[in-house]
């Protein structure tokens, strides 16, 4: 089996810096929503696998975090957008044709010092309504926001982790309920918080794992092929990515063989037992292959864009006003 890679470059004016994926026009193809300077651009995928901007929504603040779900339960995907410096979350309502309008505004808190690096989506209390978690780094707060099914959110529990930055969501202990992998940047720990399915999270047994340097960004995926989700985490000022291998029951062990990159990895993703990282000057695989060479590439994401059940790679280039989309497929030799 050999992997074939098709690279597509898409122009997105306005300093693109965050991407979310979903079928926004109901044609069963995955589209992209791109956070830009005080706006949200929607890129619709055509039958040939290309992407073009079809709508753009002006916003009062620059969105830095995006989450996708049907927040008002009308059968159309919506988007929640948060910004770096406030507790405000805009709910952007999808029309099912690829355009969005501004909906309800939620303020997760009214006082404090917001420094937002994370907006997570899930049904934390399992009531069939989409919820959110907003992450405020310096306060060490993860604020649970309970959805009402109409696009509004009520602040719930504040999870106090001491410090937190760019956490990841996944079922880490195999009970079918979402958990959190949290880089506690100021404590040099990777924390595991277990969801109870009622909207609360508690620290798992042996939940605070010491890592070699300040953790920055977490991703969840099976790295050793044993069917259990592992955790990869970048660090704030080193060239290594630490790997925590799942021992079962929400317990992990730090691998003795970290993945080393040239330069500092920022965002990280996992695909088919491999780690990929945005390096500032492009996107690199853990095997050493430079997949995208583009200056100022500090973020990336993965999503199955072509329906082959393999995550594809999206590199985000703010200063170049473009995205690089790498579609992968497998072909027998």
C-alpha atoms as a PDB file:
ATOM      1  CA  UNK A   1       0.000   0.000   0.000  1.00  0.00           C
ATOM      2  CA  UNK A   2       1.335   3.418  -0.966  1.00  0.00           C
ATOM      3  CA  UNK A   3      -0.028   6.822   0.046  1.00  0.00           C
ATOM      4  CA  UNK A   4      -0.784   9.258  -2.754  1.00  0.00           C
ATOM      5  CA  UNK A   5      -0.811  12.950  -1.833  1.00  0.00           C
ATOM      6  CA  UNK A   6      -2.527  15.763  -3.728  1.00  0.00           C
ATOM      7  CA  UNK A   7      -1.683  19.294  -2.600  1.00  0.00           C
ATOM      8  CA  UNK A   8      -4.209  22.078  -3.211  1.00  0.00           C
ATOM      9  CA  UNK A   9      -3.534  25.748  -2.421  1.00  0.00           C
ATOM     10  CA  UNK A  10      -6.533  27.967  -1.614  1.00  0.00           C
ATOM     11  CA  UNK A  11      -6.401  31.744  -1.383  1.00  0.00           C
ATOM     12  CA  UNK A  12      -8.109  33.172   1.726  1.00  0.00           C
ATOM     13  CA  UNK A  13      -7.553  36.937   2.111  1.00  0.00           C
ATOM     14  CA  UNK A  14      -7.617  38.433   5.593  1.00  0.00           C
ATOM     15  CA  UNK A  15      -4.953  36.574   7.562  1.00  0.00           C
ATOM     16  CA  UNK A  16      -6.478  33.089   8.000  1.00  0.00           C
ATOM     17  CA  UNK A  17      -5.450  31.523  11.305  1.00  0.00           C
ATOM     18  CA  UNK A  18      -7.985  28.873  12.308  1.00  0.00           C
ATOM     19  CA  UNK A  19     -10.043  26.330  10.347  1.00  0.00           C
ATOM     20  CA  UNK A  20     -13.089  24.189  11.144  1.00  0.00           C
ATOM     21  CA  UNK A  21     -14.647  21.509   8.933  1.00  0.00           C
ATOM     22  CA  UNK A  22     -18.216  20.418   8.221  1.00  0.00           C
ATOM     23  CA  UNK A  23     -20.819  19.935   5.488  1.00  0.00           C
ATOM     24  CA  UNK A  24     -22.186  23.473   5.520  1.00  0.00           C
ATOM     25  CA  UNK A  25     -24.362  23.304   2.385  1.00  0.00           C
ATOM     26  CA  UNK A  26     -25.832  19.807   2.681  1.00  0.00           C
ATOM     27  CA  UNK A  27     -24.195  18.255  -0.396  1.00  0.00           C
ATOM     28  CA  UNK A  28     -22.417  15.514   1.590  1.00  0.00           C
ATOM     29  CA  UNK A  29     -18.997  17.023   0.942  1.00  0.00           C
ATOM     30  CA  UNK A  30     -16.884  18.491   3.718  1.00  0.00           C
ATOM     31  CA  UNK A  31     -16.446  22.262   3.566  1.00  0.00           C
ATOM     32  CA  UNK A  32     -14.222  24.619   5.546  1.00  0.00           C
ATOM     33  CA  UNK A  33     -14.898  27.632   7.770  1.00  0.00           C
ATOM     34  CA  UNK A  34     -11.867  29.877   8.133  1.00  0.00           C
ATOM     35  CA  UNK A  35     -11.342  32.406  10.931  1.00  0.00           C
ATOM     36  CA  UNK A  36      -9.857  35.607   9.485  1.00  0.00           C
ATOM     37  CA  UNK A  37      -9.354  39.170  10.679  1.00  0.00           C
ATOM     38  CA  UNK A  38     -12.802  40.183  12.022  1.00  0.00           C
ATOM     39  CA  UNK A  39     -14.554  37.793   9.664  1.00  0.00           C
ATOM     40  CA  UNK A  40     -15.464  34.198   8.929  1.00  0.00           C
ATOM     41  CA  UNK A  41     -14.879  32.872   5.399  1.00  0.00           C
ATOM     42  CA  UNK A  42     -16.715  29.772   4.132  1.00  0.00           C
ATOM     43  CA  UNK A  43     -14.971  27.581   1.545  1.00  0.00           C
ATOM     44  CA  UNK A  44     -17.295  25.166  -0.233  1.00  0.00           C
ATOM     45  CA  UNK A  45     -15.859  21.973  -1.710  1.00  0.00           C
ATOM     46  CA  UNK A  46     -16.754  21.224  -5.326  1.00  0.00           C
ATOM     47  CA  UNK A  47     -17.202  17.718  -6.845  1.00  0.00           C
ATOM     48  CA  UNK A  48     -13.587  17.727  -8.069  1.00  0.00           C
ATOM     49  CA  UNK A  49     -12.218  18.300  -4.545  1.00  0.00           C
ATOM     50  CA  UNK A  50     -11.412  21.987  -4.966  1.00  0.00           C
ATOM     51  CA  UNK A  51     -12.404  24.716  -2.536  1.00  0.00           C
ATOM     52  CA  UNK A  52     -13.629  28.245  -3.209  1.00  0.00           C
ATOM     53  CA  UNK A  53     -14.887  31.010  -0.943  1.00  0.00           C
ATOM     54  CA  UNK A  54     -18.647  31.456  -1.322  1.00  0.00           C
ATOM     55  CA  UNK A  55     -19.540  33.645   1.639  1.00  0.00           C
ATOM     56  CA  UNK A  56     -17.944  35.800   4.294  1.00  0.00           C
ATOM     57  CA  UNK A  57     -19.493  37.068   7.523  1.00  0.00           C
ATOM     58  CA  UNK A  58     -18.166  40.259   9.139  1.00  0.00           C
ATOM     59  CA  UNK A  59     -17.655  40.011  12.911  1.00  0.00           C
ATOM     60  CA  UNK A  60     -16.989  42.629  15.609  1.00  0.00           C
ATOM     61  CA  UNK A  61     -14.005  40.701  16.945  1.00  0.00           C
ATOM     62  CA  UNK A  62     -11.371  38.509  15.337  1.00  0.00           C
ATOM     63  CA  UNK A  63     -12.277  34.865  15.952  1.00  0.00           C
ATOM     64  CA  UNK A  64      -9.332  32.804  17.154  1.00  0.00           C
ATOM     65  CA  UNK A  65     -11.191  29.622  18.138  1.00  0.00           C
ATOM     66  CA  UNK A  66     -13.946  27.770  16.252  1.00  0.00           C
ATOM     67  CA  UNK A  67     -16.252  24.862  17.097  1.00  0.00           C
ATOM     68  CA  UNK A  68     -18.833  23.229  14.797  1.00  0.00           C
ATOM     69  CA  UNK A  69     -22.148  21.588  15.750  1.00  0.00           C
ATOM     70  CA  UNK A  70     -25.888  21.926  15.204  1.00  0.00           C
ATOM     71  CA  UNK A  71     -26.313  24.233  18.178  1.00  0.00           C
ATOM     72  CA  UNK A  72     -30.023  25.022  17.599  1.00  0.00           C
ATOM     73  CA  UNK A  73     -31.044  21.531  16.445  1.00  0.00           C
ATOM     74  CA  UNK A  74     -32.496  22.576  13.096  1.00  0.00           C
ATOM     75  CA  UNK A  75     -30.499  20.003  11.134  1.00  0.00           C
ATOM     76  CA  UNK A  76     -27.962  22.581   9.893  1.00  0.00           C
ATOM     77  CA  UNK A  77     -24.419  23.006  11.132  1.00  0.00           C
ATOM     78  CA  UNK A  78     -23.614  26.143  13.117  1.00  0.00           C
ATOM     79  CA  UNK A  79     -20.329  27.594  14.365  1.00  0.00           C
ATOM     80  CA  UNK A  80     -19.274  28.915  17.763  1.00  0.00           C
ATOM     81  CA  UNK A  81     -16.502  31.517  17.585  1.00  0.00           C
ATOM     82  CA  UNK A  82     -14.384  32.826  20.467  1.00  0.00           C
ATOM     83  CA  UNK A  83     -11.658  35.457  20.437  1.00  0.00           C
ATOM     84  CA  UNK A  84      -8.311  35.677  22.213  1.00  0.00           C
ATOM     85  CA  UNK A  85      -8.994  38.501  24.649  1.00  0.00           C
ATOM     86  CA  UNK A  86     -12.624  38.239  25.891  1.00  0.00           C
ATOM     87  CA  UNK A  87     -15.046  35.688  27.316  1.00  0.00           C
ATOM     88  CA  UNK A  88     -17.508  36.374  24.472  1.00  0.00           C
ATOM     89  CA  UNK A  89     -18.656  33.494  22.266  1.00  0.00           C
ATOM     90  CA  UNK A  90     -20.589  34.255  19.075  1.00  0.00           C
ATOM     91  CA  UNK A  91     -23.001  31.580  17.836  1.00  0.00           C
ATOM     92  CA  UNK A  92     -23.102  31.789  14.044  1.00  0.00           C
ATOM     93  CA  UNK A  93     -26.206  30.152  12.639  1.00  0.00           C
ATOM     94  CA  UNK A  94     -25.902  28.135   9.423  1.00  0.00           C
ATOM     95  CA  UNK A  95     -28.571  28.403   6.727  1.00  0.00           C
ATOM     96  CA  UNK A  96     -27.790  24.963   5.279  1.00  0.00           C
ATOM     97  CA  UNK A  97     -26.652  26.580   2.013  1.00  0.00           C
ATOM     98  CA  UNK A  98     -23.152  27.576   3.076  1.00  0.00           C
ATOM     99  CA  UNK A  99     -23.768  30.961   4.694  1.00  0.00           C
ATOM    100  CA  UNK A 100     -23.982  32.079   8.318  1.00  0.00           C
ATOM    101  CA  UNK A 101     -25.641  34.867  10.283  1.00  0.00           C
ATOM    102  CA  UNK A 102     -24.841  36.140  13.749  1.00  0.00           C
ATOM    103  CA  UNK A 103     -26.927  34.536  16.461  1.00  0.00           C
ATOM    104  CA  UNK A 104     -26.917  34.655  20.272  1.00  0.00           C
ATOM    105  CA  UNK A 105     -23.891  35.965  22.168  1.00  0.00           C
ATOM    106  CA  UNK A 106     -22.715  34.150  25.310  1.00  0.00           C
ATOM    107  CA  UNK A 107     -20.327  35.545  27.905  1.00  0.00           C
ATOM    108  CA  UNK A 108     -18.658  32.684  29.728  1.00  0.00           C
ATOM    109  CA  UNK A 109     -17.586  34.996  32.574  1.00  0.00           C
ATOM    110  CA  UNK A 110     -18.055  38.647  33.468  1.00  0.00           C
ATOM    111  CA  UNK A 111     -14.834  39.242  35.388  1.00  0.00           C
ATOM    112  CA  UNK A 112     -11.272  37.980  35.152  1.00  0.00           C
ATOM    113  CA  UNK A 113      -8.319  38.076  32.781  1.00  0.00           C
ATOM    114  CA  UNK A 114      -9.243  36.142  29.647  1.00  0.00           C
ATOM    115  CA  UNK A 115      -6.456  34.628  27.580  1.00  0.00           C
ATOM    116  CA  UNK A 116      -8.311  32.196  25.348  1.00  0.00           C
ATOM    117  CA  UNK A 117      -6.525  29.193  23.812  1.00  0.00           C
ATOM    118  CA  UNK A 118      -9.178  26.585  23.237  1.00  0.00           C
ATOM    119  CA  UNK A 119     -12.881  26.124  22.425  1.00  0.00           C
ATOM    120  CA  UNK A 120     -14.006  22.503  22.683  1.00  0.00           C
ATOM    121  CA  UNK A 121     -17.329  21.031  21.575  1.00  0.00           C
ATOM    122  CA  UNK A 122     -19.171  17.989  22.884  1.00  0.00           C
ATOM    123  CA  UNK A 123     -22.335  16.860  24.624  1.00  0.00           C
ATOM    124  CA  UNK A 124     -20.823  16.901  28.100  1.00  0.00           C
ATOM    125  CA  UNK A 125     -24.081  16.119  29.966  1.00  0.00           C
ATOM    126  CA  UNK A 126     -25.457  13.748  27.293  1.00  0.00           C
ATOM    127  CA  UNK A 127     -28.801  15.521  26.935  1.00  0.00           C
ATOM    128  CA  UNK A 128     -28.647  15.626  23.132  1.00  0.00           C
ATOM    129  CA  UNK A 129     -27.697  19.311  23.060  1.00  0.00           C
ATOM    130  CA  UNK A 130     -24.280  20.550  21.991  1.00  0.00           C
ATOM    131  CA  UNK A 131     -22.136  22.076  24.756  1.00  0.00           C
ATOM    132  CA  UNK A 132     -18.795  23.912  24.824  1.00  0.00           C
ATOM    133  CA  UNK A 133     -15.699  24.340  26.969  1.00  0.00           C
ATOM    134  CA  UNK A 134     -13.819  27.652  26.821  1.00  0.00           C
ATOM    135  CA  UNK A 135     -10.154  27.575  27.873  1.00  0.00           C
ATOM    136  CA  UNK A 136      -8.530  30.569  29.584  1.00  0.00           C
ATOM    137  CA  UNK A 137      -4.794  29.938  29.860  1.00  0.00           C
ATOM    138  CA  UNK A 138      -3.370  32.174  32.576  1.00  0.00           C
ATOM    139  CA  UNK A 139      -6.324  31.721  34.913  1.00  0.00           C
ATOM    140  CA  UNK A 140      -6.077  27.958  34.512  1.00  0.00           C
ATOM    141  CA  UNK A 141      -9.813  27.801  33.886  1.00  0.00           C
ATOM    142  CA  UNK A 142     -11.796  25.541  31.590  1.00  0.00           C
ATOM    143  CA  UNK A 143     -15.350  26.876  31.630  1.00  0.00           C
ATOM    144  CA  UNK A 144     -18.105  24.356  30.865  1.00  0.00           C
ATOM    145  CA  UNK A 145     -20.900  25.980  28.838  1.00  0.00           C
ATOM    146  CA  UNK A 146     -24.177  24.062  28.740  1.00  0.00           C
ATOM    147  CA  UNK A 147     -26.160  24.400  25.507  1.00  0.00           C
ATOM    148  CA  UNK A 148     -29.906  24.995  25.573  1.00  0.00           C
ATOM    149  CA  UNK A 149     -30.489  23.571  22.080  1.00  0.00           C
ATOM    150  CA  UNK A 150     -31.345  27.022  20.698  1.00  0.00           C
ATOM    151  CA  UNK A 151     -27.845  28.403  20.254  1.00  0.00           C
ATOM    152  CA  UNK A 152     -27.403  29.818  23.747  1.00  0.00           C
ATOM    153  CA  UNK A 153     -25.105  28.580  26.512  1.00  0.00           C
ATOM    154  CA  UNK A 154     -25.249  28.786  30.291  1.00  0.00           C
ATOM    155  CA  UNK A 155     -21.956  28.891  32.202  1.00  0.00           C
ATOM    156  CA  UNK A 156     -21.570  25.710  34.220  1.00  0.00           C
ATOM    157  CA  UNK A 157     -18.699  24.400  36.256  1.00  0.00           C
ATOM    158  CA  UNK A 158     -15.302  26.105  36.092  1.00  0.00           C
ATOM    159  CA  UNK A 159     -12.636  23.382  35.963  1.00  0.00           C
ATOM    160  CA  UNK A 160      -9.541  24.725  37.695  1.00  0.00           C
ATOM    161  CA  UNK A 161      -6.482  22.985  36.326  1.00  0.00           C
ATOM    162  CA  UNK A 162      -3.881  25.471  37.567  1.00  0.00           C
ATOM    163  CA  UNK A 163      -2.915  26.276  33.986  1.00  0.00           C
ATOM    164  CA  UNK A 164      -4.126  25.015  30.648  1.00  0.00           C
ATOM    165  CA  UNK A 165      -3.433  25.527  26.963  1.00  0.00           C
ATOM    166  CA  UNK A 166      -4.801  23.938  23.770  1.00  0.00           C
ATOM    167  CA  UNK A 167      -6.389  20.781  25.258  1.00  0.00           C
ATOM    168  CA  UNK A 168      -7.800  17.868  23.239  1.00  0.00           C
ATOM    169  CA  UNK A 169     -11.051  15.891  23.576  1.00  0.00           C
ATOM    170  CA  UNK A 170     -11.396  12.109  23.360  1.00  0.00           C
ATOM    171  CA  UNK A 171     -12.528   8.990  25.200  1.00  0.00           C
ATOM    172  CA  UNK A 172      -9.335   8.249  27.104  1.00  0.00           C
ATOM    173  CA  UNK A 173     -10.568   5.538  29.463  1.00  0.00           C
ATOM    174  CA  UNK A 174     -12.843   3.571  27.124  1.00  0.00           C
ATOM    175  CA  UNK A 175     -16.181   4.272  28.829  1.00  0.00           C
ATOM    176  CA  UNK A 176     -17.782   5.980  25.835  1.00  0.00           C
ATOM    177  CA  UNK A 177     -17.688   9.439  27.462  1.00  0.00           C
ATOM    178  CA  UNK A 178     -15.472  12.312  26.333  1.00  0.00           C
ATOM    179  CA  UNK A 179     -12.441  13.164  28.473  1.00  0.00           C
ATOM    180  CA  UNK A 180      -9.822  15.927  28.281  1.00  0.00           C
ATOM    181  CA  UNK A 181      -6.055  15.880  27.709  1.00  0.00           C
ATOM    182  CA  UNK A 182      -4.858  19.188  29.131  1.00  0.00           C
ATOM    183  CA  UNK A 183      -1.375  20.713  28.743  1.00  0.00           C
ATOM    184  CA  UNK A 184      -0.802  22.501  32.076  1.00  0.00           C
ATOM    185  CA  UNK A 185       1.788  24.851  30.661  1.00  0.00           C
ATOM    186  CA  UNK A 186       2.907  26.550  33.878  1.00  0.00           C
ATOM    187  CA  UNK A 187       3.288  23.247  35.765  1.00  0.00           C
ATOM    188  CA  UNK A 188       5.090  21.146  33.114  1.00  0.00           C
ATOM    189  CA  UNK A 189       2.300  18.577  33.325  1.00  0.00           C
ATOM    190  CA  UNK A 190      -0.066  16.828  30.974  1.00  0.00           C
ATOM    191  CA  UNK A 191      -3.311  16.375  32.917  1.00  0.00           C
ATOM    192  CA  UNK A 192      -6.060  13.851  32.187  1.00  0.00           C
ATOM    193  CA  UNK A 193      -9.595  14.899  33.205  1.00  0.00           C
ATOM    194  CA  UNK A 194     -12.293  12.209  33.046  1.00  0.00           C
ATOM    195  CA  UNK A 195     -15.832  13.150  32.003  1.00  0.00           C
ATOM    196  CA  UNK A 196     -18.729  11.794  34.047  1.00  0.00           C
ATOM    197  CA  UNK A 197     -21.394  12.244  31.348  1.00  0.00           C
ATOM    198  CA  UNK A 198     -23.247  14.711  33.563  1.00  0.00           C
ATOM    199  CA  UNK A 199     -21.276  17.823  32.629  1.00  0.00           C
ATOM    200  CA  UNK A 200     -18.426  17.444  35.103  1.00  0.00           C
ATOM    201  CA  UNK A 201     -14.791  16.361  34.853  1.00  0.00           C
ATOM    202  CA  UNK A 202     -12.458  15.030  37.544  1.00  0.00           C
ATOM    203  CA  UNK A 203      -8.758  14.255  37.552  1.00  0.00           C
ATOM    204  CA  UNK A 204      -8.063  10.664  36.604  1.00  0.00           C
ATOM    205  CA  UNK A 205      -5.960   8.324  38.757  1.00  0.00           C
ATOM    206  CA  UNK A 206      -2.297   9.172  38.206  1.00  0.00           C
ATOM    207  CA  UNK A 207      -3.642  12.127  36.210  1.00  0.00           C
ATOM    208  CA  UNK A 208      -0.759  14.603  36.325  1.00  0.00           C
ATOM    209  CA  UNK A 209       2.116  13.455  34.131  1.00  0.00           C
ATOM    210  CA  UNK A 210       5.399  15.300  34.352  1.00  0.00           C
ATOM    211  CA  UNK A 211       6.757  16.132  30.894  1.00  0.00           C
ATOM    212  CA  UNK A 212      10.263  17.329  29.960  1.00  0.00           C
ATOM    213  CA  UNK A 213       9.282  20.945  29.192  1.00  0.00           C
ATOM    214  CA  UNK A 214       6.304  23.303  29.252  1.00  0.00           C
ATOM    215  CA  UNK A 215       3.477  21.565  27.341  1.00  0.00           C
ATOM    216  CA  UNK A 216       1.700  23.656  24.709  1.00  0.00           C
ATOM    217  CA  UNK A 217      -0.645  21.704  22.395  1.00  0.00           C
ATOM    218  CA  UNK A 218      -2.203  18.221  22.730  1.00  0.00           C
ATOM    219  CA  UNK A 219      -3.584  15.741  20.184  1.00  0.00           C
ATOM    220  CA  UNK A 220      -5.239  12.357  20.728  1.00  0.00           C
ATOM    221  CA  UNK A 221      -4.854   9.268  18.525  1.00  0.00           C
ATOM    222  CA  UNK A 222      -3.642   5.661  18.479  1.00  0.00           C
ATOM    223  CA  UNK A 223       0.122   5.859  18.006  1.00  0.00           C
ATOM    224  CA  UNK A 224       1.146   2.245  18.671  1.00  0.00           C
ATOM    225  CA  UNK A 225      -1.699   0.346  17.011  1.00  0.00           C
ATOM    226  CA  UNK A 226      -3.154  -1.218  20.155  1.00  0.00           C
ATOM    227  CA  UNK A 227      -6.618   0.295  19.656  1.00  0.00           C
ATOM    228  CA  UNK A 228      -6.326   2.693  22.587  1.00  0.00           C
ATOM    229  CA  UNK A 229      -5.996   6.475  22.198  1.00  0.00           C
ATOM    230  CA  UNK A 230      -2.611   7.912  23.093  1.00  0.00           C
ATOM    231  CA  UNK A 231      -1.611  11.560  23.586  1.00  0.00           C
ATOM    232  CA  UNK A 232       1.005  13.627  21.756  1.00  0.00           C
ATOM    233  CA  UNK A 233       1.959  17.005  23.195  1.00  0.00           C
ATOM    234  CA  UNK A 234       4.226  19.773  21.905  1.00  0.00           C
ATOM    235  CA  UNK A 235       6.289  21.977  24.181  1.00  0.00           C
ATOM    236  CA  UNK A 236       6.626  25.710  24.476  1.00  0.00           C
ATOM    237  CA  UNK A 237      10.341  25.955  23.763  1.00  0.00           C
ATOM    238  CA  UNK A 238      11.818  22.616  22.643  1.00  0.00           C
ATOM    239  CA  UNK A 239      12.069  20.564  19.435  1.00  0.00           C
ATOM    240  CA  UNK A 240      10.564  17.421  20.985  1.00  0.00           C
ATOM    241  CA  UNK A 241       7.020  16.088  21.064  1.00  0.00           C
ATOM    242  CA  UNK A 242       6.262  13.945  24.094  1.00  0.00           C
ATOM    243  CA  UNK A 243       4.121  10.834  23.680  1.00  0.00           C
ATOM    244  CA  UNK A 244       1.976   9.407  26.479  1.00  0.00           C
ATOM    245  CA  UNK A 245       0.939   5.811  25.779  1.00  0.00           C
ATOM    246  CA  UNK A 246      -2.437   4.570  27.022  1.00  0.00           C
ATOM    247  CA  UNK A 247      -2.220   1.808  29.646  1.00  0.00           C
ATOM    248  CA  UNK A 248      -6.015   1.552  29.934  1.00  0.00           C
ATOM    249  CA  UNK A 249      -8.461   2.894  32.488  1.00  0.00           C
ATOM    250  CA  UNK A 250      -7.427   6.485  31.913  1.00  0.00           C
ATOM    251  CA  UNK A 251      -3.804   5.812  32.865  1.00  0.00           C
ATOM    252  CA  UNK A 252      -0.784   6.626  30.712  1.00  0.00           C
ATOM    253  CA  UNK A 253       2.974   6.297  30.677  1.00  0.00           C
ATOM    254  CA  UNK A 254       5.447   8.736  29.183  1.00  0.00           C
ATOM    255  CA  UNK A 255       7.280   7.147  26.255  1.00  0.00           C
ATOM    256  CA  UNK A 256      11.059   6.962  26.560  1.00  0.00           C
ATOM    257  CA  UNK A 257      11.396   7.837  22.868  1.00  0.00           C
ATOM    258  CA  UNK A 258      10.046  11.322  22.131  1.00  0.00           C
ATOM    259  CA  UNK A 259       9.565  12.427  18.537  1.00  0.00           C
ATOM    260  CA  UNK A 260      12.200  15.014  17.599  1.00  0.00           C
ATOM    261  CA  UNK A 261      11.675  17.696  14.981  1.00  0.00           C
ATOM    262  CA  UNK A 262      14.016  20.311  13.579  1.00  0.00           C
ATOM    263  CA  UNK A 263      12.922  23.553  15.183  1.00  0.00           C
ATOM    264  CA  UNK A 264       9.965  24.053  17.498  1.00  0.00           C
ATOM    265  CA  UNK A 265       6.661  22.246  16.837  1.00  0.00           C
ATOM    266  CA  UNK A 266       3.540  24.295  17.587  1.00  0.00           C
ATOM    267  CA  UNK A 267       0.250  22.571  16.698  1.00  0.00           C
ATOM    268  CA  UNK A 268       0.256  18.782  16.404  1.00  0.00           C
ATOM    269  CA  UNK A 269      -1.979  16.129  14.839  1.00  0.00           C
ATOM    270  CA  UNK A 270      -2.051  12.324  14.582  1.00  0.00           C
ATOM    271  CA  UNK A 271      -2.779  10.271  11.448  1.00  0.00           C
ATOM    272  CA  UNK A 272      -2.303   6.529  11.040  1.00  0.00           C
ATOM    273  CA  UNK A 273       0.213   6.110  13.879  1.00  0.00           C
ATOM    274  CA  UNK A 274       2.189   9.172  12.792  1.00  0.00           C
ATOM    275  CA  UNK A 275       2.653  12.562  14.396  1.00  0.00           C
ATOM    276  CA  UNK A 276       2.482  15.712  12.265  1.00  0.00           C
ATOM    277  CA  UNK A 277       3.411  19.185  13.450  1.00  0.00           C
ATOM    278  CA  UNK A 278       3.193  22.798  12.308  1.00  0.00           C
ATOM    279  CA  UNK A 279       6.736  24.110  12.649  1.00  0.00           C
ATOM    280  CA  UNK A 280       6.514  27.807  11.881  1.00  0.00           C
ATOM    281  CA  UNK A 281       8.136  27.266   8.486  1.00  0.00           C
ATOM    282  CA  UNK A 282       5.859  24.481   7.314  1.00  0.00           C
ATOM    283  CA  UNK A 283       4.295  21.156   8.324  1.00  0.00           C
ATOM    284  CA  UNK A 284       6.521  18.165   9.007  1.00  0.00           C
ATOM    285  CA  UNK A 285       5.811  14.502   9.663  1.00  0.00           C
ATOM    286  CA  UNK A 286       7.426  12.679  12.564  1.00  0.00           C
ATOM    287  CA  UNK A 287       9.229  10.543   9.998  1.00  0.00           C
ATOM    288  CA  UNK A 288      11.118  13.650   8.915  1.00  0.00           C
ATOM    289  CA  UNK A 289       9.257  14.408   5.693  1.00  0.00           C
ATOM    290  CA  UNK A 290       8.498  18.080   5.008  1.00  0.00           C
ATOM    291  CA  UNK A 291       4.968  18.048   3.605  1.00  0.00           C
ATOM    292  CA  UNK A 292       4.296  21.781   3.440  1.00  0.00           C
ATOM    293  CA  UNK A 293       7.018  24.401   3.128  1.00  0.00           C
ATOM    294  CA  UNK A 294       5.540  27.825   3.869  1.00  0.00           C
ATOM    295  CA  UNK A 295       6.745  30.577   6.246  1.00  0.00           C
ATOM    296  CA  UNK A 296       4.646  31.517   9.282  1.00  0.00           C
ATOM    297  CA  UNK A 297       2.838  28.161   9.506  1.00  0.00           C
ATOM    298  CA  UNK A 298       2.028  27.919  13.191  1.00  0.00           C
ATOM    299  CA  UNK A 299      -1.250  26.033  12.983  1.00  0.00           C
ATOM    300  CA  UNK A 300      -2.706  23.047  11.156  1.00  0.00           C
ATOM    301  CA  UNK A 301      -5.684  20.744  11.420  1.00  0.00           C
ATOM    302  CA  UNK A 302      -6.772  17.328  10.211  1.00  0.00           C
ATOM    303  CA  UNK A 303     -10.137  16.314   8.773  1.00  0.00           C
ATOM    304  CA  UNK A 304     -11.384  13.683   6.317  1.00  0.00           C
ATOM    305  CA  UNK A 305     -12.157  15.993   3.398  1.00  0.00           C
ATOM    306  CA  UNK A 306     -12.549  13.423   0.613  1.00  0.00           C
ATOM    307  CA  UNK A 307     -14.559  10.741   2.443  1.00  0.00           C
ATOM    308  CA  UNK A 308     -11.935   7.989   2.315  1.00  0.00           C
ATOM    309  CA  UNK A 309     -11.850   7.663   6.112  1.00  0.00           C
ATOM    310  CA  UNK A 310      -8.279   9.015   6.213  1.00  0.00           C
ATOM    311  CA  UNK A 311      -7.614  12.378   7.844  1.00  0.00           C
ATOM    312  CA  UNK A 312      -6.326  14.960   5.393  1.00  0.00           C
ATOM    313  CA  UNK A 313      -3.981  17.760   6.344  1.00  0.00           C
ATOM    314  CA  UNK A 314      -4.628  21.502   6.243  1.00  0.00           C
ATOM    315  CA  UNK A 315      -1.779  23.958   6.755  1.00  0.00           C
ATOM    316  CA  UNK A 316      -2.719  27.532   7.658  1.00  0.00           C
ATOM    317  CA  UNK A 317      -0.570  30.441   6.416  1.00  0.00           C
ATOM    318  CA  UNK A 318      -1.778  33.804   7.806  1.00  0.00           C
ATOM    319  CA  UNK A 319       0.817  36.097   6.230  1.00  0.00           C
ATOM    320  CA  UNK A 320       0.472  34.451   2.815  1.00  0.00           C
ATOM    321  CA  UNK A 321      -3.365  34.646   2.964  1.00  0.00           C
ATOM    322  CA  UNK A 322      -3.805  31.012   1.983  1.00  0.00           C
ATOM    323  CA  UNK A 323      -4.304  27.405   3.043  1.00  0.00           C
ATOM    324  CA  UNK A 324      -2.487  24.317   1.813  1.00  0.00           C
ATOM    325  CA  UNK A 325      -4.752  21.272   1.682  1.00  0.00           C
ATOM    326  CA  UNK A 326      -3.134  17.859   1.340  1.00  0.00           C
ATOM    327  CA  UNK A 327      -5.542  15.085   0.341  1.00  0.00           C
ATOM    328  CA  UNK A 328      -4.258  11.566   0.930  1.00  0.00           C
ATOM    329  CA  UNK A 329      -5.472   8.274  -0.471  1.00  0.00           C
ATOM    330  CA  UNK A 330      -4.156   4.705  -0.455  1.00  0.00           C
ATOM    331  CA  UNK A 331      -3.429   2.606  -3.534  1.00  0.00           C
ATOM    332  CA  UNK A 332      -2.303  -1.001  -3.628  1.00  0.00           C
ATOM    333  CA  UNK A 333       1.122  -1.580  -5.172  1.00  0.00           C
END
